[in-house]
C-alpha cells in the first residue's frame, strides 16, 4: 500500500492523468488481491478495475492478448528485475545502466 499511496498517486498528478477515464489492471496474484489493496483500488477506479476478486476478472487466456503481448511483458519484467533492484532508485535506473 505504501508504494501505491506514495508513487502511484503522485505519478498521476505529475503526468496529468485523468483517473476517471483510466482502468487499472493487475495480474491477480494473491499478494495483489488483499482486502486492503482491493478496497484502495476500488475507491479510486470504481468498476474500472480488472483483477481477481473484482467485477471484471483478469483472464490469463483473454482473446485480446496476443503472443507479442506475452513476449513484451516477459521481456520488460526481465529487464526491470535484472540486477535485483533493492530500492526505488535502483528500479528507476534505465536498463542500460544496470
Protein backbone atom coordinates (compact mmCIF):
# COMPACT_ATOMS: atom_id res chain seq x y z
CA UNK A 1 0.00 0.00 0.00
CA UNK A 2 2.87 2.36 0.71
CA UNK A 3 4.04 2.14 -2.91
CA UNK A 4 0.55 2.80 -4.27
CA UNK A 5 -0.04 5.73 -1.93
CA UNK A 6 3.36 7.31 -2.36
CA UNK A 7 4.17 6.72 -6.01
CA UNK A 8 1.02 5.86 -7.96
CA UNK A 9 -0.97 8.89 -6.83
CA UNK A 10 1.90 11.37 -7.24
CA UNK A 11 2.84 9.94 -10.65
CA UNK A 12 -0.69 10.53 -11.88
CA UNK A 13 -0.66 14.11 -10.63
CA UNK A 14 2.70 14.89 -12.22
CA UNK A 15 1.63 13.45 -15.56
CA UNK A 16 -1.85 14.95 -15.54
CA UNK A 17 -3.61 11.59 -15.70
CA UNK A 18 -7.41 11.78 -15.71
CA UNK A 19 -8.27 8.92 -13.38
CA UNK A 20 -11.99 8.99 -14.22
CA UNK A 21 -11.20 7.58 -17.67
CA UNK A 22 -8.42 5.22 -16.61
CA UNK A 23 -8.66 1.48 -16.00
CA UNK A 24 -6.36 -0.41 -13.64
CA UNK A 25 -5.35 -3.98 -14.45
CA UNK A 26 -3.21 -6.31 -12.40
CA UNK A 27 -2.28 -9.94 -12.75
CA UNK A 28 -4.44 -11.33 -9.97
CA UNK A 29 -1.56 -12.60 -7.85
CA UNK A 30 -2.65 -13.34 -4.29
CA UNK A 31 -0.47 -10.57 -2.88
CA UNK A 32 -2.18 -8.06 -5.18
CA UNK A 33 -5.69 -9.01 -4.09
CA UNK A 34 -5.51 -8.44 -0.34
CA UNK A 35 -8.68 -6.85 1.06
CA UNK A 36 -6.88 -3.58 1.78
CA UNK A 37 -5.42 -3.38 -1.73
CA UNK A 38 -8.71 -4.15 -3.48
CA UNK A 39 -10.53 -1.58 -1.31
CA UNK A 40 -7.91 1.07 -2.17
CA UNK A 41 -8.17 0.30 -5.89
CA UNK A 42 -11.99 0.23 -5.90
CA UNK A 43 -12.09 3.60 -4.15
CA UNK A 44 -10.01 5.14 -6.93
CA UNK A 45 -11.07 3.15 -10.01
CA UNK A 46 -14.59 2.02 -9.06
CA UNK A 47 -15.74 -0.51 -11.69
CA UNK A 48 -12.69 0.19 -13.90
CA UNK A 49 -10.60 -2.45 -12.13
CA UNK A 50 -9.50 -5.70 -13.76
CA UNK A 51 -8.27 -8.20 -11.21
CA UNK A 52 -9.11 -11.38 -9.40
CA UNK A 53 -11.95 -10.87 -6.89
CA UNK A 54 -13.39 -7.95 -8.87
CA UNK A 55 -16.34 -7.43 -11.21
CA UNK A 56 -14.06 -7.68 -14.26
CA UNK A 57 -11.78 -10.65 -13.65
CA UNK A 58 -8.32 -10.90 -15.10
CA UNK A 59 -8.24 -13.61 -17.75
CA UNK A 60 -4.90 -15.27 -18.43
CA UNK A 61 -6.12 -16.53 -21.79
CA UNK A 62 -8.05 -13.48 -22.95
CA UNK A 63 -8.58 -13.43 -26.72
CA UNK A 64 -7.38 -9.84 -27.00
CA UNK A 65 -3.92 -10.70 -25.68
CA UNK A 66 -1.69 -11.95 -28.46
CA UNK A 67 1.68 -13.74 -28.29
CA UNK A 68 3.53 -10.43 -28.74
CA UNK A 69 1.76 -9.12 -25.62
CA UNK A 70 3.05 -12.04 -23.59
CA UNK A 71 6.54 -11.63 -25.06
CA UNK A 72 6.63 -7.92 -24.27
CA UNK A 73 5.61 -8.34 -20.62
CA UNK A 74 8.21 -11.08 -20.09
CA UNK A 75 10.88 -9.00 -21.80
CA UNK A 76 10.05 -5.91 -19.75
CA UNK A 77 9.95 -7.87 -16.49
CA UNK A 78 13.32 -9.45 -17.23
CA UNK A 79 14.81 -6.00 -17.85
CA UNK A 80 13.25 -4.40 -14.78
CA UNK A 81 14.40 -7.14 -12.40
CA UNK A 82 17.83 -7.54 -13.96
CA UNK A 83 20.35 -6.80 -11.25
CA UNK A 84 17.82 -7.47 -8.45
CA UNK A 85 16.88 -3.84 -7.60
CA UNK A 86 16.55 -3.25 -3.86
CA UNK A 87 15.44 0.39 -3.83
CA UNK A 88 13.08 2.59 -5.85
CA UNK A 89 16.11 4.48 -7.18
CA UNK A 90 17.67 1.25 -8.49
CA UNK A 91 14.34 0.23 -10.02
CA UNK A 92 14.07 3.57 -11.83
CA UNK A 93 17.56 3.31 -13.36
CA UNK A 94 17.50 2.83 -17.14
CA UNK A 95 18.15 -0.79 -18.12
CA UNK A 96 21.36 0.16 -19.92
CA UNK A 97 22.94 1.31 -16.64
CA UNK A 98 22.20 -1.92 -14.73
